[in-house]
C-alpha atoms as a PDB file:
ATOM      1  CA  UNK A   1      42.612 -51.062  -6.580  1.00  0.00           C
ATOM      2  CA  UNK A   2      42.394 -47.343  -7.231  1.00  0.00           C
ATOM      3  CA  UNK A   3      41.142 -44.960  -4.532  1.00  0.00           C
ATOM      4  CA  UNK A   4      39.461 -41.757  -5.607  1.00  0.00           C
ATOM      5  CA  UNK A   5      39.419 -38.836  -3.234  1.00  0.00           C
ATOM      6  CA  UNK A   6      36.050 -37.233  -2.821  1.00  0.00           C
ATOM      7  CA  UNK A   7      36.218 -33.602  -3.853  1.00  0.00           C
ATOM      8  CA  UNK A   8      33.485 -31.313  -2.621  1.00  0.00           C
ATOM      9  CA  UNK A   9      32.504 -27.911  -3.863  1.00  0.00           C
ATOM     10  CA  UNK A  10      30.433 -25.520  -1.882  1.00  0.00           C
ATOM     11  CA  UNK A  11      27.396 -24.131  -3.687  1.00  0.00           C
ATOM     12  CA  UNK A  12      28.935 -20.676  -4.096  1.00  0.00           C
ATOM     13  CA  UNK A  13      32.127 -22.122  -5.593  1.00  0.00           C
ATOM     14  CA  UNK A  14      30.088 -24.242  -7.999  1.00  0.00           C
ATOM     15  CA  UNK A  15      27.956 -21.322  -9.161  1.00  0.00           C
ATOM     16  CA  UNK A  16      30.991 -19.094  -9.599  1.00  0.00           C
ATOM     17  CA  UNK A  17      32.673 -21.883 -11.608  1.00  0.00           C
ATOM     18  CA  UNK A  18      29.735 -21.680 -14.022  1.00  0.00           C
ATOM     19  CA  UNK A  19      30.590 -18.042 -14.605  1.00  0.00           C
ATOM     20  CA  UNK A  20      27.373 -16.656 -13.156  1.00  0.00           C
ATOM     21  CA  UNK A  21      27.542 -12.952 -12.395  1.00  0.00           C
ATOM     22  CA  UNK A  22      26.394 -11.361  -9.165  1.00  0.00           C
ATOM     23  CA  UNK A  23      23.300 -10.154 -11.030  1.00  0.00           C
ATOM     24  CA  UNK A  24      22.467 -13.683 -12.169  1.00  0.00           C
ATOM     25  CA  UNK A  25      22.947 -15.035  -8.648  1.00  0.00           C
ATOM     26  CA  UNK A  26      20.686 -12.291  -7.281  1.00  0.00           C
ATOM     27  CA  UNK A  27      18.036 -13.204  -9.835  1.00  0.00           C
ATOM     28  CA  UNK A  28      18.137 -16.804  -8.641  1.00  0.00           C
ATOM     29  CA  UNK A  29      17.743 -15.646  -5.031  1.00  0.00           C
ATOM     30  CA  UNK A  30      14.821 -13.351  -5.913  1.00  0.00           C
ATOM     31  CA  UNK A  31      13.071 -16.171  -7.762  1.00  0.00           C
ATOM     32  CA  UNK A  32      13.558 -18.449  -4.772  1.00  0.00           C
ATOM     33  CA  UNK A  33      15.587 -20.884  -6.860  1.00  0.00           C
ATOM     34  CA  UNK A  34      18.509 -20.880  -4.456  1.00  0.00           C
ATOM     35  CA  UNK A  35      17.640 -21.942  -0.962  1.00  0.00           C
ATOM     36  CA  UNK A  36      19.681 -22.956   1.994  1.00  0.00           C
ATOM     37  CA  UNK A  37      20.406 -26.625   1.592  1.00  0.00           C
ATOM     38  CA  UNK A  38      23.603 -26.892   3.553  1.00  0.00           C
ATOM     39  CA  UNK A  39      25.571 -25.040   6.114  1.00  0.00           C
ATOM     40  CA  UNK A  40      28.685 -23.232   5.139  1.00  0.00           C
ATOM     41  CA  UNK A  41      29.853 -19.714   4.750  1.00  0.00           C
ATOM     42  CA  UNK A  42      30.795 -19.817   1.082  1.00  0.00           C
ATOM     43  CA  UNK A  43      27.260 -19.448  -0.257  1.00  0.00           C
ATOM     44  CA  UNK A  44      26.750 -16.239  -2.202  1.00  0.00           C
ATOM     45  CA  UNK A  45      24.737 -13.752  -0.220  1.00  0.00           C
ATOM     46  CA  UNK A  46      21.838 -11.792  -1.602  1.00  0.00           C
ATOM     47  CA  UNK A  47      22.847  -8.237  -2.282  1.00  0.00           C
ATOM     48  CA  UNK A  48      24.237  -6.715  -5.397  1.00  0.00           C
ATOM     49  CA  UNK A  49      21.790  -4.528  -7.266  1.00  0.00           C
ATOM     50  CA  UNK A  50      18.900  -5.072  -4.887  1.00  0.00           C
ATOM     51  CA  UNK A  51      20.553  -4.574  -1.530  1.00  0.00           C
ATOM     52  CA  UNK A  52      18.998  -1.143  -1.406  1.00  0.00           C
ATOM     53  CA  UNK A  53      21.553   0.358   0.924  1.00  0.00           C
ATOM     54  CA  UNK A  54      22.644   3.958   0.883  1.00  0.00           C
ATOM     55  CA  UNK A  55      24.794   4.968  -2.062  1.00  0.00           C
ATOM     56  CA  UNK A  56      25.005   3.702  -5.606  1.00  0.00           C
ATOM     57  CA  UNK A  57      24.777   0.022  -6.537  1.00  0.00           C
ATOM     58  CA  UNK A  58      24.292  -1.170 -10.127  1.00  0.00           C
ATOM     59  CA  UNK A  59      21.514   1.141 -11.259  1.00  0.00           C
ATOM     60  CA  UNK A  60      20.149   2.163  -7.850  1.00  0.00           C
ATOM     61  CA  UNK A  61      21.177   5.369  -6.105  1.00  0.00           C
ATOM     62  CA  UNK A  62      19.861   6.555  -2.768  1.00  0.00           C
ATOM     63  CA  UNK A  63      18.217   4.824   0.183  1.00  0.00           C
ATOM     64  CA  UNK A  64      15.889   1.877  -0.516  1.00  0.00           C
ATOM     65  CA  UNK A  65      15.713   0.351   2.983  1.00  0.00           C
ATOM     66  CA  UNK A  66      14.545   1.456   6.409  1.00  0.00           C
ATOM     67  CA  UNK A  67      12.913   4.802   7.007  1.00  0.00           C
ATOM     68  CA  UNK A  68      13.022   7.830   4.707  1.00  0.00           C
ATOM     69  CA  UNK A  69      12.990   5.831   1.460  1.00  0.00           C
ATOM     70  CA  UNK A  70      14.298   7.957  -1.410  1.00  0.00           C
ATOM     71  CA  UNK A  71      16.076   6.310  -4.321  1.00  0.00           C
ATOM     72  CA  UNK A  72      16.368   6.462  -8.086  1.00  0.00           C
ATOM     73  CA  UNK A  73      16.454   3.533 -10.488  1.00  0.00           C
ATOM     74  CA  UNK A  74      18.359   3.822 -13.761  1.00  0.00           C
ATOM     75  CA  UNK A  75      15.902   2.315 -16.240  1.00  0.00           C
ATOM     76  CA  UNK A  76      18.672   1.954 -18.834  1.00  0.00           C
ATOM     77  CA  UNK A  77      20.594  -0.356 -16.475  1.00  0.00           C
ATOM     78  CA  UNK A  78      20.106  -4.066 -17.191  1.00  0.00           C
ATOM     79  CA  UNK A  79      18.976  -4.619 -13.582  1.00  0.00           C
ATOM     80  CA  UNK A  80      15.971  -2.319 -14.020  1.00  0.00           C
ATOM     81  CA  UNK A  81      15.279  -1.920 -17.747  1.00  0.00           C
ATOM     82  CA  UNK A  82      12.450  -4.456 -17.581  1.00  0.00           C
ATOM     83  CA  UNK A  83      10.504  -1.718 -15.775  1.00  0.00           C
ATOM     84  CA  UNK A  84       9.941  -0.194 -19.209  1.00  0.00           C
ATOM     85  CA  UNK A  85       7.588  -3.121 -19.975  1.00  0.00           C
ATOM     86  CA  UNK A  86       4.041  -3.029 -18.618  1.00  0.00           C
ATOM     87  CA  UNK A  87       3.436  -5.779 -16.072  1.00  0.00           C
ATOM     88  CA  UNK A  88       7.061  -6.138 -14.980  1.00  0.00           C
ATOM     89  CA  UNK A  89       8.302  -5.469 -11.454  1.00  0.00           C
ATOM     90  CA  UNK A  90      11.504  -5.442  -9.410  1.00  0.00           C
ATOM     91  CA  UNK A  91      12.365  -5.531  -5.746  1.00  0.00           C
ATOM     92  CA  UNK A  92      14.628  -2.664  -4.709  1.00  0.00           C
ATOM     93  CA  UNK A  93      15.541  -2.800  -1.045  1.00  0.00           C
ATOM     94  CA  UNK A  94      12.312  -2.768   0.963  1.00  0.00           C
ATOM     95  CA  UNK A  95      10.174  -1.724  -2.013  1.00  0.00           C
ATOM     96  CA  UNK A  96       8.453  -3.441  -4.932  1.00  0.00           C
ATOM     97  CA  UNK A  97       8.313  -1.241  -8.024  1.00  0.00           C
ATOM     98  CA  UNK A  98       6.070  -2.151 -10.966  1.00  0.00           C
ATOM     99  CA  UNK A  99       4.943  -0.732 -14.266  1.00  0.00           C
ATOM    100  CA  UNK A 100       1.259  -1.357 -13.704  1.00  0.00           C
ATOM    101  CA  UNK A 101      -1.668  -1.500 -16.096  1.00  0.00           C
ATOM    102  CA  UNK A 102      -1.982   1.706 -18.082  1.00  0.00           C
ATOM    103  CA  UNK A 103       1.796   2.241 -17.955  1.00  0.00           C
ATOM    104  CA  UNK A 104       1.613   3.758 -14.469  1.00  0.00           C
ATOM    105  CA  UNK A 105       4.520   3.252 -12.080  1.00  0.00           C
ATOM    106  CA  UNK A 106       3.672   2.107  -8.558  1.00  0.00           C
ATOM    107  CA  UNK A 107       5.873   1.457  -5.547  1.00  0.00           C
ATOM    108  CA  UNK A 108       4.781  -0.234  -2.330  1.00  0.00           C
ATOM    109  CA  UNK A 109       6.398  -1.954   0.619  1.00  0.00           C
ATOM    110  CA  UNK A 110       7.480  -5.385  -0.579  1.00  0.00           C
ATOM    111  CA  UNK A 111       6.440  -7.486   2.414  1.00  0.00           C
ATOM    112  CA  UNK A 112       2.943  -8.809   2.954  1.00  0.00           C
ATOM    113  CA  UNK A 113       1.525  -7.458   6.198  1.00  0.00           C
ATOM    114  CA  UNK A 114       0.284 -10.930   7.142  1.00  0.00           C
ATOM    115  CA  UNK A 115       3.568 -12.850   7.540  1.00  0.00           C
ATOM    116  CA  UNK A 116       6.189 -10.818   5.703  1.00  0.00           C
ATOM    117  CA  UNK A 117       6.470 -12.762   2.444  1.00  0.00           C
ATOM    118  CA  UNK A 118       7.486 -10.678  -0.579  1.00  0.00           C
ATOM    119  CA  UNK A 119       4.556  -9.707  -2.763  1.00  0.00           C
ATOM    120  CA  UNK A 120       4.546  -9.666  -6.550  1.00  0.00           C
ATOM    121  CA  UNK A 121       2.675  -7.605  -9.111  1.00  0.00           C
ATOM    122  CA  UNK A 122      -0.066  -9.301 -11.169  1.00  0.00           C
ATOM    123  CA  UNK A 123      -0.909  -7.471 -14.400  1.00  0.00           C
ATOM    124  CA  UNK A 124      -4.164  -9.324 -15.132  1.00  0.00           C
ATOM    125  CA  UNK A 125      -5.592  -8.434 -11.699  1.00  0.00           C
ATOM    126  CA  UNK A 126      -3.658  -5.139 -11.480  1.00  0.00           C
ATOM    127  CA  UNK A 127      -2.734  -5.827  -7.863  1.00  0.00           C
ATOM    128  CA  UNK A 128      -0.009  -7.003  -5.520  1.00  0.00           C
ATOM    129  CA  UNK A 129      -0.252 -10.637  -4.514  1.00  0.00           C
ATOM    130  CA  UNK A 130       1.277 -12.737  -1.750  1.00  0.00           C
ATOM    131  CA  UNK A 131       1.663 -16.335  -2.808  1.00  0.00           C
ATOM    132  CA  UNK A 132       2.192 -17.533   0.774  1.00  0.00           C
ATOM    133  CA  UNK A 133      -1.431 -17.262   1.972  1.00  0.00           C
ATOM    134  CA  UNK A 134      -3.032 -15.596  -1.069  1.00  0.00           C
ATOM    135  CA  UNK A 135      -3.442 -12.091   0.318  1.00  0.00           C
ATOM    136  CA  UNK A 136      -3.932  -9.433  -2.335  1.00  0.00           C
ATOM    137  CA  UNK A 137      -3.531  -5.675  -2.177  1.00  0.00           C
ATOM    138  CA  UNK A 138      -4.897  -2.877  -4.341  1.00  0.00           C
ATOM    139  CA  UNK A 139      -2.292  -0.541  -5.816  1.00  0.00           C
ATOM    140  CA  UNK A 140      -3.243   2.090  -3.229  1.00  0.00           C
ATOM    141  CA  UNK A 141      -1.972  -0.410  -0.632  1.00  0.00           C
ATOM    142  CA  UNK A 142      -5.375  -1.364   0.779  1.00  0.00           C
ATOM    143  CA  UNK A 143      -6.179  -5.007   1.432  1.00  0.00           C
ATOM    144  CA  UNK A 144      -8.123  -6.591  -1.406  1.00  0.00           C
ATOM    145  CA  UNK A 145      -8.131 -10.150  -0.069  1.00  0.00           C
ATOM    146  CA  UNK A 146      -7.272 -11.391   3.432  1.00  0.00           C
ATOM    147  CA  UNK A 147      -5.711 -12.886   5.531  1.00  0.00           C
ATOM    148  CA  UNK A 148      -3.629  -9.679   5.505  1.00  0.00           C
ATOM    149  CA  UNK A 149      -5.392  -7.144   7.685  1.00  0.00           C
ATOM    150  CA  UNK A 150      -3.287  -4.027   7.245  1.00  0.00           C
ATOM    151  CA  UNK A 151      -2.291  -2.145   4.095  1.00  0.00           C
ATOM    152  CA  UNK A 152       1.041  -1.971   2.319  1.00  0.00           C
ATOM    153  CA  UNK A 153       2.882   1.327   2.508  1.00  0.00           C
ATOM    154  CA  UNK A 154       2.707   3.271  -0.754  1.00  0.00           C
ATOM    155  CA  UNK A 155       5.588   5.363  -2.077  1.00  0.00           C
ATOM    156  CA  UNK A 156       5.513   8.175  -4.617  1.00  0.00           C
ATOM    157  CA  UNK A 157       7.076   7.646  -8.041  1.00  0.00           C
ATOM    158  CA  UNK A 158       8.432  10.206 -10.454  1.00  0.00           C
ATOM    159  CA  UNK A 159       9.605   9.346 -13.960  1.00  0.00           C
ATOM    160  CA  UNK A 160      12.330  11.565 -15.411  1.00  0.00           C
ATOM    161  CA  UNK A 161      11.477  13.674 -18.438  1.00  0.00           C
ATOM    162  CA  UNK A 162      13.540  11.452 -20.731  1.00  0.00           C
ATOM    163  CA  UNK A 163      11.992   8.292 -19.244  1.00  0.00           C
ATOM    164  CA  UNK A 164      15.367   6.820 -18.266  1.00  0.00           C
ATOM    165  CA  UNK A 165      15.161   7.070 -14.491  1.00  0.00           C
ATOM    166  CA  UNK A 166      12.488   6.569 -11.876  1.00  0.00           C
ATOM    167  CA  UNK A 167      12.583   8.171  -8.451  1.00  0.00           C
ATOM    168  CA  UNK A 168      10.800   6.439  -5.558  1.00  0.00           C
ATOM    169  CA  UNK A 169      10.317   8.399  -2.353  1.00  0.00           C
ATOM    170  CA  UNK A 170       8.137   9.013   0.694  1.00  0.00           C
END
């Protein structure tokens, strides 16, 4: 009789063994594909290009979290180049940035004011939407559909002359 030892891999080890980059792992986290299904400290942590801290991280320079938001996205960087396509959006730190209808950049606080779920941009409705309880916000931050009762914070955007970088600031 042959005895096989059970070999276990933690989720982070498994994903790294597939050759997934930090950017790919972050994309899975942002899409909600990776969720906590076990305890253990080897799981990859969200961060990378969207951690929004102070400094420069994969296409983002400046401060994208907390107070005094002021950062620049490199739209030629693979983490943010989808922002050159109308209807696309990214989360950068505490902010959702979208290329809205009419090719206008908008930036708002990313968390729904109802229960803090991240919002997403909807091109067809030209609004920000929270899938948790179906709140919707106009692009000026005002509530379009409850249960959210307070507006999202709106940030200013400034596209560089060459169209390759976007500054988001208060």
